[in-house]
Protein backbone atom coordinates (compact mmCIF):
# COMPACT_ATOMS: atom_id res chain seq x y z
CA MET A 1 -1.54 -21.19 24.30
CA SER A 2 -3.22 -17.71 24.33
CA ASP A 3 -6.69 -16.92 25.42
CA LEU A 4 -8.18 -18.77 22.56
CA ASN A 5 -7.66 -22.03 24.45
CA SER A 6 -10.64 -24.08 24.71
CA LYS A 7 -12.53 -21.87 22.15
CA VAL A 8 -14.09 -22.98 19.00
CA ALA A 9 -13.90 -21.12 15.74
CA PHE A 10 -15.81 -21.71 12.46
CA VAL A 11 -14.05 -20.26 9.18
CA THR A 12 -15.86 -20.25 5.83
CA GLY A 13 -13.59 -20.83 2.91
CA GLY A 14 -10.92 -22.24 5.05
CA SER A 15 -9.22 -24.78 2.79
CA ARG A 16 -6.65 -22.43 1.28
CA GLY A 17 -5.22 -19.04 0.98
CA MET A 18 -6.39 -16.35 3.35
CA GLY A 19 -8.88 -18.78 5.11
CA ALA A 20 -6.51 -21.48 5.64
CA ALA A 21 -4.00 -18.89 7.14
CA ILE A 22 -6.73 -17.72 9.39
CA ALA A 23 -7.69 -21.16 10.54
CA LEU A 24 -4.05 -22.08 11.33
CA LYS A 25 -3.42 -18.86 13.23
CA LEU A 26 -6.57 -19.28 15.48
CA ALA A 27 -5.41 -23.10 16.04
CA GLU A 28 -2.00 -21.86 17.00
CA ASP A 29 -3.56 -19.58 19.47
CA GLY A 30 -5.38 -22.45 21.07
CA ALA A 31 -8.85 -22.78 19.21
CA ASP A 32 -10.52 -25.76 17.92
CA ILE A 33 -11.44 -25.26 14.30
CA ALA A 34 -14.14 -26.15 11.73
CA ILE A 35 -13.78 -24.88 8.06
CA THR A 36 -15.81 -25.07 5.02
CA TYR A 37 -14.76 -25.68 1.34
CA THR A 38 -16.75 -25.69 -1.92
CA SER A 39 -14.64 -28.16 -4.27
CA ALA A 40 -11.09 -28.39 -2.82
CA ALA A 41 -11.61 -31.36 -0.60
CA ALA A 42 -7.84 -32.32 -0.59
CA LYS A 43 -6.80 -28.83 0.26
CA ALA A 44 -9.35 -28.74 3.09
CA GLN A 45 -8.09 -32.10 4.47
CA GLU A 46 -4.35 -30.80 4.28
CA THR A 47 -5.51 -27.84 6.52
CA VAL A 48 -7.26 -30.17 8.92
CA ALA A 49 -4.27 -32.18 9.33
CA ALA A 50 -2.15 -29.10 9.82
CA ILE A 51 -4.30 -28.01 12.59
CA GLU A 52 -4.34 -31.40 14.17
CA LYS A 53 -0.59 -31.35 14.16
CA LEU A 54 -0.83 -28.24 16.42
CA GLY A 55 -2.72 -30.36 18.85
CA ARG A 56 -6.10 -29.00 18.15
CA ARG A 57 -9.42 -30.60 16.82
CA ALA A 58 -10.49 -29.82 13.25
CA ILE A 59 -13.23 -30.67 10.96
CA ALA A 60 -14.08 -29.65 7.37
CA PHE A 61 -17.56 -29.35 5.84
CA GLN A 62 -18.33 -29.24 2.20
CA ALA A 63 -20.74 -26.13 2.14
CA ASP A 64 -20.82 -23.81 -0.87
CA ASN A 65 -21.70 -20.16 0.16
CA LEU A 66 -24.42 -20.29 -2.61
CA ASP A 67 -26.23 -22.80 -0.69
CA ALA A 68 -27.63 -21.15 2.52
CA ALA A 69 -29.04 -24.46 4.01
CA ALA A 70 -25.49 -25.90 3.66
CA VAL A 71 -24.04 -23.06 5.45
CA GLU A 72 -26.42 -23.08 8.23
CA ALA A 73 -26.04 -26.82 8.55
CA ALA A 74 -22.29 -26.54 8.93
CA VAL A 75 -22.57 -23.94 11.59
CA ARG A 76 -25.09 -26.10 13.67
CA GLU A 77 -22.84 -29.22 12.94
CA THR A 78 -19.87 -27.60 14.35
CA HIS A 79 -21.63 -26.59 17.62
CA ALA A 80 -23.02 -30.13 17.93
CA ALA A 81 -19.54 -31.73 17.33
CA PHE A 82 -17.44 -29.46 19.68
CA GLY A 83 -20.11 -28.50 22.13
CA ARG A 84 -19.68 -24.85 21.82
CA LEU A 85 -19.06 -22.08 19.19
CA ASP A 86 -17.26 -18.79 20.02
CA ILE A 87 -15.71 -17.43 16.80
CA LEU A 88 -17.27 -16.93 13.34
CA VAL A 89 -14.98 -15.80 10.52
CA ASN A 90 -16.89 -15.07 7.26
CA ASN A 91 -14.01 -15.36 4.75
CA ALA A 92 -15.31 -17.25 1.66
CA GLY A 93 -15.45 -15.21 -1.35
CA VAL A 94 -14.92 -14.65 -5.08
CA TYR A 95 -13.45 -11.81 -7.22
CA THR A 96 -15.31 -10.69 -10.44
CA MET A 97 -14.71 -7.98 -12.84
CA ASP A 98 -17.36 -6.59 -15.10
CA SER A 99 -18.62 -2.97 -15.87
CA VAL A 100 -22.42 -1.92 -15.18
CA ASP A 101 -22.89 -2.18 -19.00
CA ASN A 102 -22.01 -5.78 -19.20
CA LEU A 103 -22.72 -7.32 -15.75
CA THR A 104 -25.76 -9.69 -15.84
CA LEU A 105 -28.38 -9.65 -13.24
CA ASP A 106 -27.49 -13.38 -12.47
CA GLU A 107 -23.74 -12.58 -11.94
CA PHE A 108 -24.64 -9.63 -9.64
CA ASP A 109 -26.98 -11.88 -7.63
CA ARG A 110 -24.17 -14.67 -7.54
CA VAL A 111 -21.65 -12.35 -6.14
CA MET A 112 -24.25 -10.89 -3.46
CA SER A 113 -25.30 -14.50 -2.29
CA ILE A 114 -21.74 -15.41 -1.75
CA HIS A 115 -20.46 -12.39 -0.02
CA VAL A 116 -23.60 -10.93 1.74
CA ARG A 117 -26.45 -13.53 2.04
CA ALA A 118 -24.20 -16.33 3.13
CA SER A 119 -22.43 -14.12 5.66
CA PHE A 120 -25.81 -13.07 6.92
CA VAL A 121 -26.93 -16.74 7.30
CA ALA A 122 -23.73 -17.82 9.07
CA ALA A 123 -23.84 -14.77 11.49
CA LYS A 124 -27.71 -15.30 12.42
CA THR A 125 -27.02 -19.08 12.86
CA ALA A 126 -23.93 -18.58 14.92
CA ALA A 127 -25.19 -15.77 17.06
CA ALA A 128 -27.94 -18.01 18.30
CA LEU A 129 -25.39 -20.44 19.47
CA MET A 130 -22.93 -18.05 20.96
CA GLY A 131 -22.60 -16.92 24.50
CA PRO A 132 -21.02 -13.72 25.72
CA GLY A 133 -17.72 -13.06 24.50
CA GLY A 134 -18.72 -14.34 20.97
CA ARG A 135 -16.97 -12.93 17.97
CA ILE A 136 -18.24 -12.50 14.40
CA ILE A 137 -15.39 -11.35 12.08
CA THR A 138 -16.10 -10.73 8.39
CA ILE A 139 -13.32 -10.40 5.70
CA GLY A 140 -14.51 -7.50 3.41
CA SER A 141 -12.14 -5.49 1.14
CA ASN A 142 -10.66 -1.97 0.77
CA LEU A 143 -12.44 -1.89 -2.49
CA GLY A 144 -15.53 -1.65 -0.46
CA GLU A 145 -14.57 2.03 0.48
CA ILE A 146 -12.65 3.28 -2.61
CA VAL A 147 -13.08 1.95 -6.04
CA PRO A 148 -9.87 2.81 -7.97
CA PHE A 149 -10.72 1.49 -11.40
CA PRO A 150 -13.68 0.34 -13.61
CA GLY A 151 -15.29 -3.02 -13.53
CA LEU A 152 -16.00 -3.58 -9.85
CA ILE A 153 -19.60 -2.88 -9.53
CA ALA A 154 -20.62 -6.19 -8.24
CA TYR A 155 -17.37 -6.96 -5.87
CA ALA A 156 -17.38 -3.34 -4.40
CA THR A 157 -21.21 -3.27 -3.71
CA SER A 158 -21.06 -6.67 -1.91
CA LYS A 159 -18.07 -5.70 0.20
CA ALA A 160 -19.57 -2.16 1.09
CA ALA A 161 -22.83 -4.12 2.08
CA LEU A 162 -20.82 -6.25 4.43
CA THR A 163 -19.80 -3.21 6.32
CA GLY A 164 -23.25 -2.11 6.84
CA MET A 165 -24.25 -5.45 7.96
CA THR A 166 -21.38 -5.49 10.45
CA LYS A 167 -22.28 -2.21 12.12
CA ALA A 168 -25.99 -3.54 12.37
CA LEU A 169 -24.80 -6.78 13.93
CA ALA A 170 -22.77 -4.84 16.37
CA ARG A 171 -25.73 -2.90 17.51
CA ASP A 172 -28.06 -6.03 17.60
CA LEU A 173 -25.54 -8.18 19.51
CA GLY A 174 -23.78 -5.74 21.65
CA PRO A 175 -26.09 -6.21 24.62
CA ARG A 176 -25.12 -9.90 24.68
CA GLU A 177 -21.41 -8.90 24.49
CA ILE A 178 -20.95 -10.46 21.16
CA THR A 179 -18.84 -8.27 18.86
CA ALA A 180 -18.97 -7.89 15.15
CA ASN A 181 -15.98 -6.33 13.19
CA ILE A 182 -15.00 -6.31 9.59
CA ILE A 183 -11.48 -6.50 8.33
CA GLN A 184 -10.85 -5.03 4.90
CA PRO A 185 -7.65 -6.41 3.43
CA GLY A 186 -5.95 -4.68 0.35
CA SER A 187 -3.62 -6.54 -2.24
CA THR A 188 -2.78 -9.78 -0.61
CA ASP A 189 -0.64 -12.62 -2.12
CA THR A 190 -3.09 -15.41 -2.60
CA ASP A 191 -4.13 -17.50 -5.56
CA MET A 192 -7.05 -15.26 -6.21
CA ASN A 193 -4.55 -12.08 -6.40
CA PRO A 194 -0.91 -13.27 -6.71
CA ALA A 195 1.89 -10.92 -6.08
CA ASN A 196 3.33 -11.69 -9.54
CA GLY A 197 0.07 -11.43 -11.38
CA ASP A 198 -0.70 -9.38 -14.52
CA HIS A 199 -2.16 -6.56 -12.57
CA ALA A 200 0.19 -6.60 -9.54
CA ASP A 201 2.33 -3.49 -10.44
CA GLY A 202 -0.66 -1.28 -10.76
CA GLN A 203 -1.74 -2.40 -7.28
CA ARG A 204 1.62 -1.79 -5.84
CA ALA A 205 1.61 1.61 -7.16
CA ARG A 206 -1.22 2.62 -5.15
CA MET A 207 0.08 1.60 -1.94
CA ALA A 208 2.18 3.57 0.84
CA ILE A 209 4.04 0.31 1.41
CA PRO A 210 4.55 -0.97 -2.13
CA ARG A 211 4.46 -4.65 -1.69
CA PHE A 212 1.68 -7.20 -1.38
CA GLY A 213 0.49 -8.26 2.07
CA GLU A 214 0.68 -11.92 3.26
CA ALA A 215 -2.21 -14.07 4.29
CA SER A 216 -0.54 -14.13 7.75
CA ASP A 217 -0.91 -10.39 8.11
CA ILE A 218 -4.83 -10.82 7.71
CA ALA A 219 -4.85 -13.86 10.08
CA GLY A 220 -2.72 -11.84 12.78
CA LEU A 221 -5.45 -9.26 12.71
CA VAL A 222 -8.37 -11.90 12.94
CA ALA A 223 -6.74 -13.29 16.00
CA PHE A 224 -6.35 -10.08 17.64
CA LEU A 225 -10.03 -9.41 17.29
CA ALA A 226 -10.87 -13.02 18.34
CA GLY A 227 -8.68 -12.65 21.55
CA ASN A 228 -9.32 -11.25 24.80
CA GLU A 229 -7.59 -7.95 23.89
CA GLY A 230 -10.33 -7.46 21.09
CA ARG A 231 -13.26 -7.68 23.38
CA PHE A 232 -14.07 -3.93 23.41
CA ILE A 233 -13.78 -3.50 19.66
CA THR A 234 -17.29 -3.80 17.80
CA GLY A 235 -18.89 -2.25 14.76
CA ALA A 236 -15.37 -1.32 13.46
CA SER A 237 -14.00 -1.39 9.85
CA LEU A 238 -10.40 -2.23 10.05
CA THR A 239 -8.33 -1.65 6.66
CA ILE A 240 -5.17 -3.63 6.17
CA ASP A 241 -3.78 -2.50 2.76
CA GLY A 242 -0.25 -1.12 2.93
CA GLY A 243 -1.82 2.28 2.81
CA ALA A 244 -3.57 1.92 -0.65
CA ASN A 245 -6.62 3.67 0.74
CA ALA A 246 -4.61 6.31 2.80
């Protein structure tokens, strides 16, 4: 076990893809895990079972990021179930494409709520329950820094907002020795953006290392920030995109 032994982590959107990889990596490193899911109950239970096979405790909560009360309740119930909360990973998200001419206000609000509002709710709730050494890690996107093609106004805006929120959290929580950092993945092979998808070749053409990342790559960086070696890193934006933004 690593220095996450006896720690408790809460991962939003942990039923599949990047979230499941993060949950499993933190469990491999010794943490007990709570995850949320929106509708993929069977996938969530598969992730829970895989964590339990590693000898760690796990629980899944149905909590849509659009429902702030459900997100807050899941964080509180995690603390009640495990007796502590050390690590929050804001991972749940959606990908949407539409130009400013076509994007509706309702869709803009939906994306901002899922990415920014829910992350704020989870961070505020978790921070109140964390002691010194707590970690808040948010999954953003390299598209929050560079927008290489049209149609990303809602997605890129929401991910850029997460960077500002992370820096503010780092300032607010630093005196309590709780860190806040954002990881900005690029093209990563998941159901949301498969390496064999229609737009994959164009994404690879932008990258210094012309291949998609794996969910385990992102999970490894999360585990580093969550562990003892990441204790003095806060307010940082860490891009992991094969050099697409270089």
